[in-house]
C-alpha atoms as a PDB file:
ATOM      1  CA  MET A   1     -77.968-128.178 -80.725  1.00  0.00           C
ATOM      2  CA  SER A   2     -78.843-124.889 -79.568  1.00  0.00           C
ATOM      3  CA  ASP A   3     -75.762-121.795 -81.046  1.00  0.00           C
ATOM      4  CA  ALA A   4     -77.207-119.197 -77.965  1.00  0.00           C
ATOM      5  CA  PRO A   5     -75.037-118.669 -75.222  1.00  0.00           C
ATOM      6  CA  GLN A   6     -76.088-120.846 -71.654  1.00  0.00           C
ATOM      7  CA  THR A   7     -76.583-118.138 -68.887  1.00  0.00           C
ATOM      8  CA  VAL A   8     -75.341-118.366 -65.489  1.00  0.00           C
ATOM      9  CA  SER A   9     -75.913-116.540 -62.429  1.00  0.00           C
ATOM     10  CA  GLY A  10     -74.348-116.417 -59.283  1.00  0.00           C
ATOM     11  CA  THR A  11     -73.320-114.182 -56.420  1.00  0.00           C
ATOM     12  CA  ILE A  12     -69.832-112.872 -55.390  1.00  0.00           C
ATOM     13  CA  LEU A  13     -68.798-114.403 -51.604  1.00  0.00           C
ATOM     14  CA  ARG A  14     -65.540-111.889 -50.954  1.00  0.00           C
ATOM     15  CA  LEU A  15     -63.383-113.967 -48.960  1.00  0.00           C
ATOM     16  CA  ARG A  16     -60.688-112.922 -46.892  1.00  0.00           C
ATOM     17  CA  CYS A  17     -57.542-115.455 -46.188  1.00  0.00           C
ATOM     18  CA  GLN A  18     -56.357-116.028 -42.611  1.00  0.00           C
ATOM     19  CA  GLY A  19     -52.881-117.242 -43.696  1.00  0.00           C
ATOM     20  CA  CYS A  20     -52.086-114.141 -45.734  1.00  0.00           C
ATOM     21  CA  GLY A  21     -54.901-112.129 -45.534  1.00  0.00           C
ATOM     22  CA  ALA A  22     -55.597-111.619 -49.277  1.00  0.00           C
ATOM     23  CA  VAL A  23     -59.145-110.655 -49.560  1.00  0.00           C
ATOM     24  CA  PHE A  24     -60.759-111.942 -52.752  1.00  0.00           C
ATOM     25  CA  PRO A  25     -63.963-112.192 -54.831  1.00  0.00           C
ATOM     26  CA  HIS A  26     -65.711-116.170 -55.699  1.00  0.00           C
ATOM     27  CA  PHE A  27     -68.563-116.664 -57.595  1.00  0.00           C
ATOM     28  CA  GLN A  28     -71.187-118.570 -55.940  1.00  0.00           C
ATOM     29  CA  PHE A  29     -73.512-120.181 -58.814  1.00  0.00           C
ATOM     30  CA  SER A  30     -76.448-120.204 -57.822  1.00  0.00           C
ATOM     31  CA  GLY A  31     -78.656-122.888 -60.616  1.00  0.00           C
ATOM     32  CA  GLU A  32     -81.637-123.789 -59.572  1.00  0.00           C
ATOM     33  CA  ARG A  33     -81.448-127.383 -60.309  1.00  0.00           C
ATOM     34  CA  GLU A  34     -78.063-129.033 -60.347  1.00  0.00           C
ATOM     35  CA  THR A  35     -77.875-129.193 -64.399  1.00  0.00           C
ATOM     36  CA  GLU A  36     -77.806-125.346 -64.632  1.00  0.00           C
ATOM     37  CA  SER A  37     -74.545-124.944 -63.787  1.00  0.00           C
ATOM     38  CA  GLY A  38     -73.365-129.176 -64.281  1.00  0.00           C
ATOM     39  CA  GLY A  39     -69.661-128.889 -65.919  1.00  0.00           C
ATOM     40  CA  LEU A  40     -69.086-125.536 -64.669  1.00  0.00           C
ATOM     41  CA  PHE A  41     -65.745-123.734 -62.397  1.00  0.00           C
ATOM     42  CA  SER A  42     -65.102-120.434 -60.951  1.00  0.00           C
ATOM     43  CA  ALA A  43     -61.602-119.245 -60.733  1.00  0.00           C
ATOM     44  CA  SER A  44     -61.004-116.586 -58.849  1.00  0.00           C
ATOM     45  CA  SER A  45     -57.808-113.918 -59.382  1.00  0.00           C
ATOM     46  CA  GLY A  46     -55.765-113.711 -56.015  1.00  0.00           C
ATOM     47  CA  GLN A  47     -53.729-110.667 -57.479  1.00  0.00           C
ATOM     48  CA  ALA A  48     -57.189-109.026 -59.047  1.00  0.00           C
ATOM     49  CA  ASP A  49     -60.447-107.951 -57.936  1.00  0.00           C
ATOM     50  CA  GLU A  50     -61.504-110.273 -60.808  1.00  0.00           C
ATOM     51  CA  VAL A  51     -63.598-113.603 -61.286  1.00  0.00           C
ATOM     52  CA  PHE A  52     -63.245-115.810 -64.806  1.00  0.00           C
ATOM     53  CA  ILE A  53     -66.796-118.559 -65.223  1.00  0.00           C
ATOM     54  CA  ALA A  54     -65.708-121.950 -67.569  1.00  0.00           C
ATOM     55  CA  GLU A  55     -66.698-124.667 -68.601  1.00  0.00           C
ATOM     56  CA  ALA A  56     -64.945-127.929 -67.774  1.00  0.00           C
ATOM     57  CA  MET A  57     -63.899-130.187 -69.738  1.00  0.00           C
ATOM     58  CA  ALA A  58     -64.566-133.704 -70.303  1.00  0.00           C
ATOM     59  CA  ASP A  59     -61.262-134.992 -68.059  1.00  0.00           C
ATOM     60  CA  GLU A  60     -61.149-131.903 -65.655  1.00  0.00           C
ATOM     61  CA  TRP A  61     -64.984-132.613 -64.463  1.00  0.00           C
ATOM     62  CA  LYS A  62     -64.515-135.869 -63.914  1.00  0.00           C
ATOM     63  CA  ASP A  63     -61.883-135.506 -60.959  1.00  0.00           C
ATOM     64  CA  PHE A  64     -62.401-131.374 -60.441  1.00  0.00           C
ATOM     65  CA  ASP A  65     -62.271-132.570 -56.524  1.00  0.00           C
ATOM     66  CA  GLY A  66     -58.662-134.300 -57.014  1.00  0.00           C
ATOM     67  CA  ALA A  67     -56.285-133.065 -59.840  1.00  0.00           C
ATOM     68  CA  GLY A  68     -59.679-131.812 -62.748  1.00  0.00           C
ATOM     69  CA  ALA A  69     -59.460-128.880 -60.651  1.00  0.00           C
ATOM     70  CA  THR A  70     -55.960-128.026 -61.048  1.00  0.00           C
ATOM     71  CA  ARG A  71     -55.530-129.192 -64.880  1.00  0.00           C
ATOM     72  CA  ALA A  72     -57.884-126.276 -65.192  1.00  0.00           C
ATOM     73  CA  GLU A  73     -56.067-123.702 -64.003  1.00  0.00           C
ATOM     74  CA  GLN A  74     -53.123-124.776 -66.000  1.00  0.00           C
ATOM     75  CA  ARG A  75     -56.104-124.816 -69.013  1.00  0.00           C
ATOM     76  CA  LEU A  76     -56.818-120.941 -68.099  1.00  0.00           C
ATOM     77  CA  ALA A  77     -53.445-120.077 -67.465  1.00  0.00           C
ATOM     78  CA  LEU A  78     -52.354-121.397 -70.944  1.00  0.00           C
ATOM     79  CA  GLU A  79     -55.782-120.060 -72.631  1.00  0.00           C
ATOM     80  CA  LEU A  80     -55.742-116.778 -70.999  1.00  0.00           C
ATOM     81  CA  GLY A  81     -51.142-116.060 -70.442  1.00  0.00           C
ATOM     82  CA  ARG A  82     -51.538-116.425 -66.727  1.00  0.00           C
ATOM     83  CA  GLY A  83     -50.711-117.901 -63.729  1.00  0.00           C
ATOM     84  CA  ASP A  84     -53.414-116.183 -60.958  1.00  0.00           C
ATOM     85  CA  LEU A  85     -56.545-117.600 -61.614  1.00  0.00           C
ATOM     86  CA  ARG A  86     -57.232-120.006 -59.071  1.00  0.00           C
ATOM     87  CA  VAL A  87     -60.153-122.742 -58.531  1.00  0.00           C
ATOM     88  CA  ILE A  88     -61.718-121.568 -54.676  1.00  0.00           C
ATOM     89  CA  ARG A  89     -62.639-125.045 -53.053  1.00  0.00           C
ATOM     90  CA  LEU A  90     -65.060-125.315 -50.190  1.00  0.00           C
ATOM     91  CA  LEU A  91     -62.538-127.641 -47.588  1.00  0.00           C
ATOM     92  CA  ARG A  92     -65.029-127.348 -44.916  1.00  0.00           C
ATOM     93  CA  ILE A  93     -67.730-126.379 -43.289  1.00  0.00           C
ATOM     94  CA  GLU A  94     -67.287-125.809 -38.976  1.00  0.00           C
ATOM     95  CA  SER A  95     -70.541-125.880 -37.458  1.00  0.00           C
ATOM     96  CA  ALA A  96     -70.839-123.358 -33.349  1.00  0.00           C
ATOM     97  CA  LEU A  97     -73.338-125.967 -32.544  1.00  0.00           C
ATOM     98  CA  THR A  98     -72.237-128.901 -30.644  1.00  0.00           C
ATOM     99  CA  ALA A  99     -75.194-130.536 -29.018  1.00  0.00           C
ATOM    100  CA  GLY A 100     -79.412-129.578 -29.804  1.00  0.00           C
ATOM    101  CA  GLN A 101     -80.627-133.311 -27.957  1.00  0.00           C
ATOM    102  CA  GLY A 102     -82.629-132.380 -25.467  1.00  0.00           C
ATOM    103  CA  MET A 103     -82.094-128.775 -25.265  1.00  0.00           C
ATOM    104  CA  SER A 104     -85.632-126.020 -25.792  1.00  0.00           C
ATOM    105  CA  PHE A 105     -86.332-124.256 -28.567  1.00  0.00           C
ATOM    106  CA  ALA A 106     -85.362-121.182 -26.811  1.00  0.00           C
ATOM    107  CA  ASP A 107     -81.818-122.100 -25.841  1.00  0.00           C
ATOM    108  CA  PHE A 108     -81.418-123.702 -28.767  1.00  0.00           C
ATOM    109  CA  LYS A 109     -81.626-120.742 -30.492  1.00  0.00           C
ATOM    110  CA  LYS A 110     -79.972-118.824 -28.617  1.00  0.00           C
ATOM    111  CA  SER A 111     -77.000-120.614 -28.774  1.00  0.00           C
ATOM    112  CA  TYR A 112     -77.443-121.891 -32.874  1.00  0.00           C
ATOM    113  CA  ARG A 113     -74.243-119.708 -35.491  1.00  0.00           C
ATOM    114  CA  PRO A 114     -74.848-120.093 -38.825  1.00  0.00           C
ATOM    115  CA  PRO A 115     -72.163-123.098 -40.066  1.00  0.00           C
ATOM    116  CA  VAL A 116     -69.460-121.411 -41.158  1.00  0.00           C
ATOM    117  CA  MET A 117     -68.069-122.011 -45.161  1.00  0.00           C
ATOM    118  CA  VAL A 118     -63.753-122.344 -44.858  1.00  0.00           C
ATOM    119  CA  TYR A 119     -62.155-122.185 -48.891  1.00  0.00           C
ATOM    120  CA  SER A 120     -59.531-122.222 -50.389  1.00  0.00           C
ATOM    121  CA  CYS A 121     -57.251-118.860 -50.668  1.00  0.00           C
ATOM    122  CA  ALA A 122     -56.537-117.152 -54.969  1.00  0.00           C
ATOM    123  CA  ALA A 123     -53.465-115.846 -53.324  1.00  0.00           C
ATOM    124  CA  CYS A 124     -51.273-118.398 -51.424  1.00  0.00           C
ATOM    125  CA  GLU A 125     -51.091-122.934 -51.410  1.00  0.00           C
ATOM    126  CA  ALA A 126     -52.226-123.264 -47.749  1.00  0.00           C
ATOM    127  CA  GLY A 127     -53.957-120.259 -46.471  1.00  0.00           C
ATOM    128  CA  ARG A 128     -57.652-120.557 -44.768  1.00  0.00           C
ATOM    129  CA  SER A 129     -60.532-118.430 -45.810  1.00  0.00           C
ATOM    130  CA  ARG A 130     -64.110-117.318 -44.628  1.00  0.00           C
ATOM    131  CA  VAL A 131     -66.816-115.269 -46.260  1.00  0.00           C
ATOM    132  CA  VAL A 132     -66.426-111.168 -45.330  1.00  0.00           C
ATOM    133  CA  GLY A 133     -68.979-110.396 -47.599  1.00  0.00           C
ATOM    134  CA  GLU A 134     -71.759-110.984 -50.471  1.00  0.00           C
ATOM    135  CA  CYS A 135     -73.176-108.561 -53.580  1.00  0.00           C
ATOM    136  CA  SER A 136     -74.910-108.998 -56.995  1.00  0.00           C
ATOM    137  CA  LEU A 137     -73.312-109.356 -60.493  1.00  0.00           C
ATOM    138  CA  ASP A 138     -73.979-105.515 -60.620  1.00  0.00           C
ATOM    139  CA  ASP A 139     -72.547-104.567 -57.798  1.00  0.00           C
ATOM    140  CA  PHE A 140     -69.374-106.309 -57.719  1.00  0.00           C
ATOM    141  CA  ALA A 141     -69.021-104.964 -61.281  1.00  0.00           C
ATOM    142  CA  ASN A 142     -70.303-100.860 -60.220  1.00  0.00           C
ATOM    143  CA  ALA A 143     -67.207-101.659 -56.985  1.00  0.00           C
ATOM    144  CA  GLY A 144     -64.444-101.807 -60.256  1.00  0.00           C
ATOM    145  CA  GLY A 145     -64.583-105.332 -59.798  1.00  0.00           C
ATOM    146  CA  CYS A 146     -64.265-107.493 -63.321  1.00  0.00           C
ATOM    147  CA  ILE A 147     -66.098-111.438 -64.381  1.00  0.00           C
ATOM    148  CA  ARG A 148     -65.106-113.136 -67.400  1.00  0.00           C
ATOM    149  CA  TYR A 149     -67.225-115.918 -69.152  1.00  0.00           C
ATOM    150  CA  SER A 150     -65.580-118.310 -71.543  1.00  0.00           C
ATOM    151  CA  GLU A 151     -67.102-117.685 -74.927  1.00  0.00           C
ATOM    152  CA  ARG A 152     -70.087-120.006 -74.558  1.00  0.00           C
ATOM    153  CA  LEU A 153     -71.425-118.793 -71.110  1.00  0.00           C
ATOM    154  CA  ALA A 154     -72.975-115.086 -70.395  1.00  0.00           C
ATOM    155  CA  PRO A 155     -74.733-113.579 -67.244  1.00  0.00           C
ATOM    156  CA  ARG A 156     -77.994-114.414 -67.068  1.00  0.00           C
END
């Protein structure tokens, strides 16, 4: 096993909560193969322009869509001494196109709207967030954003 840090690549999505109005960053992994980012997760601050990339423990990963994300948040709170980091979940995908069968391609192109991703909120419990922007990791950092990595991870 190599002692070299695992490299992580991705982009930053800027999300806005429709409930509380908070705008916060979310790290979107861009591994070429799922195994490159498997076992990794990101947590976003609802109070600062900051994301934290970490490795999930085995008990967290096996149930990450359920209680595992909560356990990962609790572990980060203990390790980092802060409780503002939340794992952002994709809640649903909304599609504006309801029918396409029997429609001409030209009509389809005119009526097509890309699906809208709806995420949880880093600042409030019940909020629903949508993407309002996207930028590179460098652009995020140059604008004052902070990306932190757990000890065995490094940016690509």
